Amino acid sequence: MNILCPDCKGSKQLSGFGCPGLKPITIPCITCRGTGEVPEEMTLAWMPLGKKMKENRRARGMSLREEAKRRRMQPSVLSEMERGVCSPIPDPVVMPK
């Protein structure tokens, strides 16, 4: 089941200021990818888990890139997980060298 996007409130876009000259701009919402809706589990599970992942990473003093390298994934994927845009997955099992 889909629900209204918590970021764009269903408008499918976000407003802000961009260069040059900090002119007002509108871009497609990055959370719902311009659809205005998100899966219900995104707000009920993915976002809280992603927020906790980010808090834990920061508490360990790790950057997003460092954590992504440790998890053997692209930083953009980890960023999406921490923002609750995709389902967080557990750490892969890392075998000792």
N, C-alpha and C. Protein backbone atom coordinates (compact mmCIF):
# COMPACT_ATOMS: atom_id res chain seq x y z
N MET A 1 0.84 -1.18 0.00
CA MET A 1 0.00 0.00 0.00
C MET A 1 0.89 1.25 0.00
N ASN A 2 0.53 2.22 -0.80
CA ASN A 2 1.29 3.47 -0.87
C ASN A 2 0.61 4.55 -0.05
N ILE A 3 1.43 5.47 0.47
CA ILE A 3 0.91 6.61 1.22
C ILE A 3 1.56 7.88 0.67
N LEU A 4 1.07 9.03 1.07
CA LEU A 4 1.59 10.32 0.65
C LEU A 4 3.05 10.48 1.06
N CYS A 5 3.87 10.98 0.17
CA CYS A 5 5.28 11.18 0.47
C CYS A 5 5.45 12.16 1.63
N PRO A 6 6.24 11.81 2.66
CA PRO A 6 6.41 12.70 3.80
C PRO A 6 7.25 13.94 3.49
N ASP A 7 8.02 13.91 2.42
CA ASP A 7 8.86 15.07 2.09
C ASP A 7 8.15 16.10 1.21
N CYS A 8 7.56 15.65 0.11
CA CYS A 8 6.92 16.60 -0.82
C CYS A 8 5.43 16.74 -0.57
N LYS A 9 4.88 15.94 0.34
CA LYS A 9 3.45 15.96 0.67
C LYS A 9 2.57 15.73 -0.54
N GLY A 10 3.07 14.90 -1.48
CA GLY A 10 2.29 14.54 -2.65
C GLY A 10 2.42 15.47 -3.84
N SER A 11 3.20 16.54 -3.70
CA SER A 11 3.35 17.50 -4.80
C SER A 11 4.30 17.00 -5.89
N LYS A 12 5.05 15.94 -5.61
CA LYS A 12 5.98 15.31 -6.53
C LYS A 12 7.26 16.11 -6.78
N GLN A 13 7.41 17.25 -6.12
CA GLN A 13 8.59 18.08 -6.34
C GLN A 13 8.99 18.81 -5.06
N LEU A 14 10.23 19.27 -5.05
CA LEU A 14 10.76 20.04 -3.94
C LEU A 14 11.25 21.38 -4.46
N SER A 15 11.10 22.40 -3.65
CA SER A 15 11.55 23.74 -4.04
C SER A 15 12.77 24.12 -3.22
N GLY A 16 13.60 24.92 -3.80
CA GLY A 16 14.79 25.38 -3.11
C GLY A 16 15.45 26.49 -3.91
N PHE A 17 16.71 26.72 -3.62
CA PHE A 17 17.47 27.74 -4.32
C PHE A 17 18.69 27.10 -4.96
N GLY A 18 18.98 27.49 -6.18
CA GLY A 18 20.10 26.93 -6.91
C GLY A 18 20.96 28.00 -7.53
N CYS A 19 22.09 27.60 -8.01
CA CYS A 19 23.02 28.50 -8.68
C CYS A 19 22.69 28.56 -10.15
N PRO A 20 23.04 29.57 -10.87
CA PRO A 20 23.75 30.77 -10.40
C PRO A 20 22.81 31.77 -9.74
N GLY A 21 23.33 32.52 -8.82
CA GLY A 21 22.59 33.60 -8.20
C GLY A 21 21.50 33.19 -7.24
N LEU A 22 21.53 31.95 -6.79
CA LEU A 22 20.55 31.45 -5.84
C LEU A 22 19.11 31.74 -6.28
N LYS A 23 18.81 31.37 -7.51
CA LYS A 23 17.46 31.54 -8.04
C LYS A 23 16.58 30.41 -7.54
N PRO A 24 15.29 30.67 -7.33
CA PRO A 24 14.39 29.59 -6.91
C PRO A 24 14.32 28.50 -7.98
N ILE A 25 14.38 27.24 -7.54
CA ILE A 25 14.30 26.11 -8.47
C ILE A 25 13.32 25.07 -7.91
N THR A 26 12.84 24.22 -8.77
CA THR A 26 11.99 23.11 -8.39
C THR A 26 12.58 21.85 -9.01
N ILE A 27 12.71 20.81 -8.20
CA ILE A 27 13.27 19.54 -8.68
C ILE A 27 12.31 18.41 -8.29
N PRO A 28 12.38 17.27 -9.00
CA PRO A 28 11.56 16.13 -8.58
C PRO A 28 11.97 15.68 -7.17
N CYS A 29 11.01 15.29 -6.38
CA CYS A 29 11.28 14.82 -5.02
C CYS A 29 12.18 13.60 -5.07
N ILE A 30 13.25 13.60 -4.26
CA ILE A 30 14.18 12.48 -4.26
C ILE A 30 13.68 11.32 -3.41
N THR A 31 12.78 11.58 -2.49
CA THR A 31 12.27 10.51 -1.64
C THR A 31 11.30 9.62 -2.40
N CYS A 32 10.34 10.24 -3.08
CA CYS A 32 9.34 9.45 -3.82
C CYS A 32 9.68 9.33 -5.31
N ARG A 33 10.80 9.94 -5.68
CA ARG A 33 11.25 9.94 -7.08
C ARG A 33 10.20 10.52 -8.02
N GLY A 34 9.54 11.57 -7.52
CA GLY A 34 8.60 12.31 -8.36
C GLY A 34 7.23 11.68 -8.53
N THR A 35 6.89 10.70 -7.70
CA THR A 35 5.58 10.06 -7.83
C THR A 35 4.54 10.63 -6.86
N GLY A 36 5.01 11.26 -5.77
CA GLY A 36 4.10 11.81 -4.77
C GLY A 36 3.67 10.78 -3.73
N GLU A 37 4.05 9.51 -3.94
CA GLU A 37 3.69 8.45 -3.01
C GLU A 37 4.91 7.59 -2.68
N VAL A 38 4.87 6.99 -1.50
CA VAL A 38 5.92 6.06 -1.09
C VAL A 38 5.27 4.81 -0.51
N PRO A 39 5.99 3.68 -0.53
CA PRO A 39 5.45 2.49 0.12
C PRO A 39 5.24 2.74 1.61
N GLU A 40 4.19 2.21 2.16
CA GLU A 40 3.89 2.41 3.58
C GLU A 40 5.06 1.98 4.47
N GLU A 41 5.72 0.88 4.10
CA GLU A 41 6.83 0.40 4.93
C GLU A 41 8.00 1.38 4.97
N MET A 42 8.07 2.30 3.99
CA MET A 42 9.14 3.30 3.98
C MET A 42 9.06 4.16 5.24
N THR A 43 7.87 4.66 5.56
CA THR A 43 7.75 5.54 6.72
C THR A 43 7.64 4.76 8.03
N LEU A 44 7.11 3.54 7.98
CA LEU A 44 6.94 2.76 9.21
C LEU A 44 8.20 2.02 9.63
N ALA A 45 9.02 1.61 8.67
CA ALA A 45 10.20 0.79 9.01
C ALA A 45 11.50 1.36 8.45
N TRP A 46 11.54 1.64 7.15
CA TRP A 46 12.81 2.02 6.53
C TRP A 46 13.37 3.32 7.09
N MET A 47 12.54 4.35 7.24
CA MET A 47 13.06 5.64 7.72
C MET A 47 13.59 5.56 9.15
N PRO A 48 12.84 4.94 10.09
CA PRO A 48 13.40 4.82 11.45
C PRO A 48 14.69 3.99 11.50
N LEU A 49 14.74 2.89 10.74
CA LEU A 49 15.96 2.07 10.71
C LEU A 49 17.11 2.83 10.09
N GLY A 50 16.84 3.54 9.00
CA GLY A 50 17.89 4.33 8.36
C GLY A 50 18.43 5.42 9.26
N LYS A 51 17.53 6.06 9.99
CA LYS A 51 17.95 7.11 10.93
C LYS A 51 18.86 6.52 12.00
N LYS A 52 18.51 5.33 12.50
CA LYS A 52 19.32 4.67 13.52
C LYS A 52 20.69 4.29 12.96
N MET A 53 20.71 3.79 11.70
CA MET A 53 21.99 3.46 11.07
C MET A 53 22.90 4.68 10.99
N LYS A 54 22.32 5.82 10.60
CA LYS A 54 23.10 7.05 10.47
C LYS A 54 23.62 7.50 11.84
N GLU A 55 22.76 7.44 12.85
CA GLU A 55 23.19 7.82 14.21
C GLU A 55 24.34 6.94 14.68
N ASN A 56 24.23 5.63 14.45
CA ASN A 56 25.30 4.71 14.86
C ASN A 56 26.60 4.99 14.12
N ARG A 57 26.50 5.25 12.82
CA ARG A 57 27.70 5.55 12.03
C ARG A 57 28.39 6.81 12.55
N ARG A 58 27.59 7.86 12.78
CA ARG A 58 28.16 9.11 13.28
C ARG A 58 28.76 8.95 14.67
N ALA A 59 28.10 8.14 15.51
CA ALA A 59 28.63 7.90 16.87
C ALA A 59 29.99 7.22 16.82
N ARG A 60 30.22 6.42 15.78
CA ARG A 60 31.52 5.77 15.60
C ARG A 60 32.53 6.69 14.91
N GLY A 61 32.09 7.89 14.52
CA GLY A 61 32.98 8.86 13.89
C GLY A 61 33.34 8.52 12.45
N MET A 62 32.47 7.76 11.78
CA MET A 62 32.76 7.35 10.40
C MET A 62 31.99 8.22 9.40
N SER A 63 32.65 8.53 8.30
CA SER A 63 31.99 9.25 7.21
C SER A 63 31.12 8.26 6.43
N LEU A 64 30.25 8.79 5.61
CA LEU A 64 29.41 7.94 4.77
C LEU A 64 30.27 7.08 3.85
N ARG A 65 31.30 7.68 3.26
CA ARG A 65 32.18 6.92 2.36
C ARG A 65 32.94 5.82 3.10
N GLU A 66 33.42 6.11 4.30
CA GLU A 66 34.14 5.10 5.08
C GLU A 66 33.22 3.92 5.43
N GLU A 67 32.00 4.25 5.85
CA GLU A 67 31.04 3.20 6.21
C GLU A 67 30.65 2.37 4.99
N ALA A 68 30.45 3.04 3.86
CA ALA A 68 30.12 2.32 2.63
C ALA A 68 31.25 1.36 2.23
N LYS A 69 32.47 1.82 2.36
CA LYS A 69 33.62 0.96 2.04
C LYS A 69 33.67 -0.23 2.99
N ARG A 70 33.42 0.01 4.28
CA ARG A 70 33.41 -1.07 5.26
C ARG A 70 32.32 -2.09 4.93
N ARG A 71 31.19 -1.62 4.46
CA ARG A 71 30.06 -2.50 4.12
C ARG A 71 30.16 -3.07 2.70
N ARG A 72 31.18 -2.63 1.98
CA ARG A 72 31.38 -3.09 0.60
C ARG A 72 30.18 -2.75 -0.29
N MET A 73 29.80 -1.46 -0.25
CA MET A 73 28.71 -0.99 -1.09
C MET A 73 28.99 0.44 -1.56
N GLN A 74 28.24 0.87 -2.53
CA GLN A 74 28.40 2.23 -3.05
C GLN A 74 27.87 3.23 -2.02
N PRO A 75 28.54 4.39 -1.85
CA PRO A 75 28.06 5.41 -0.92
C PRO A 75 26.63 5.86 -1.22
N SER A 76 26.26 5.90 -2.50
CA SER A 76 24.90 6.34 -2.86
C SER A 76 23.84 5.37 -2.33
N VAL A 77 24.16 4.07 -2.32
CA VAL A 77 23.22 3.07 -1.80
C VAL A 77 23.07 3.24 -0.29
N LEU A 78 24.19 3.42 0.40
CA LEU A 78 24.15 3.62 1.84
C LEU A 78 23.37 4.90 2.17
N SER A 79 23.57 5.94 1.40
CA SER A 79 22.85 7.19 1.61
C SER A 79 21.34 6.97 1.48
N GLU A 80 20.93 6.22 0.47
CA GLU A 80 19.50 5.92 0.29
C GLU A 80 18.97 5.11 1.46
N MET A 81 19.76 4.18 1.96
CA MET A 81 19.34 3.38 3.12
C MET A 81 19.17 4.27 4.34
N GLU A 82 20.13 5.16 4.58
CA GLU A 82 20.07 6.03 5.76
C GLU A 82 18.92 7.03 5.67
N ARG A 83 18.54 7.41 4.46
CA ARG A 83 17.41 8.34 4.29
C ARG A 83 16.07 7.63 4.25
N GLY A 84 16.09 6.29 4.25
CA GLY A 84 14.87 5.53 4.24
C GLY A 84 14.23 5.41 2.87
N VAL A 85 14.99 5.69 1.82
CA VAL A 85 14.47 5.61 0.46
C VAL A 85 14.42 4.17 -0.02
N CYS A 86 15.29 3.33 0.51
CA CYS A 86 15.25 1.90 0.18
C CYS A 86 15.39 1.12 1.48
N SER A 87 15.07 -0.14 1.41
CA SER A 87 15.10 -0.99 2.59
C SER A 87 16.52 -1.18 3.11
N PRO A 88 16.76 -0.87 4.39
CA PRO A 88 18.08 -1.14 4.97
C PRO A 88 18.33 -2.64 5.03
N ILE A 89 19.56 -3.01 4.78
CA ILE A 89 19.93 -4.43 4.85
C ILE A 89 20.99 -4.60 5.93
N PRO A 90 21.07 -5.77 6.56
CA PRO A 90 22.09 -5.96 7.59
C PRO A 90 23.50 -5.99 7.01
N ASP A 91 24.45 -5.75 7.89
CA ASP A 91 25.86 -5.82 7.48
C ASP A 91 26.16 -7.17 6.85
N PRO A 92 26.93 -7.17 5.77
CA PRO A 92 27.34 -8.46 5.23
C PRO A 92 28.30 -9.14 6.19
N VAL A 93 28.34 -10.44 6.17
CA VAL A 93 29.27 -11.16 7.02
C VAL A 93 30.66 -10.96 6.43
N VAL A 94 31.55 -10.47 7.26
CA VAL A 94 32.92 -10.21 6.81
C VAL A 94 33.82 -11.29 7.41
N MET A 95 34.44 -12.03 6.57
CA MET A 95 35.35 -13.09 7.01
C MET A 95 36.70 -12.50 7.37
N PRO A 96 37.33 -12.93 8.44
CA PRO A 96 38.67 -12.45 8.78
C PRO A 96 39.68 -12.86 7.71
N LYS A 97 40.66 -12.00 7.51
CA LYS A 97 41.70 -12.27 6.51
C LYS A 97 42.79 -13.14 7.07
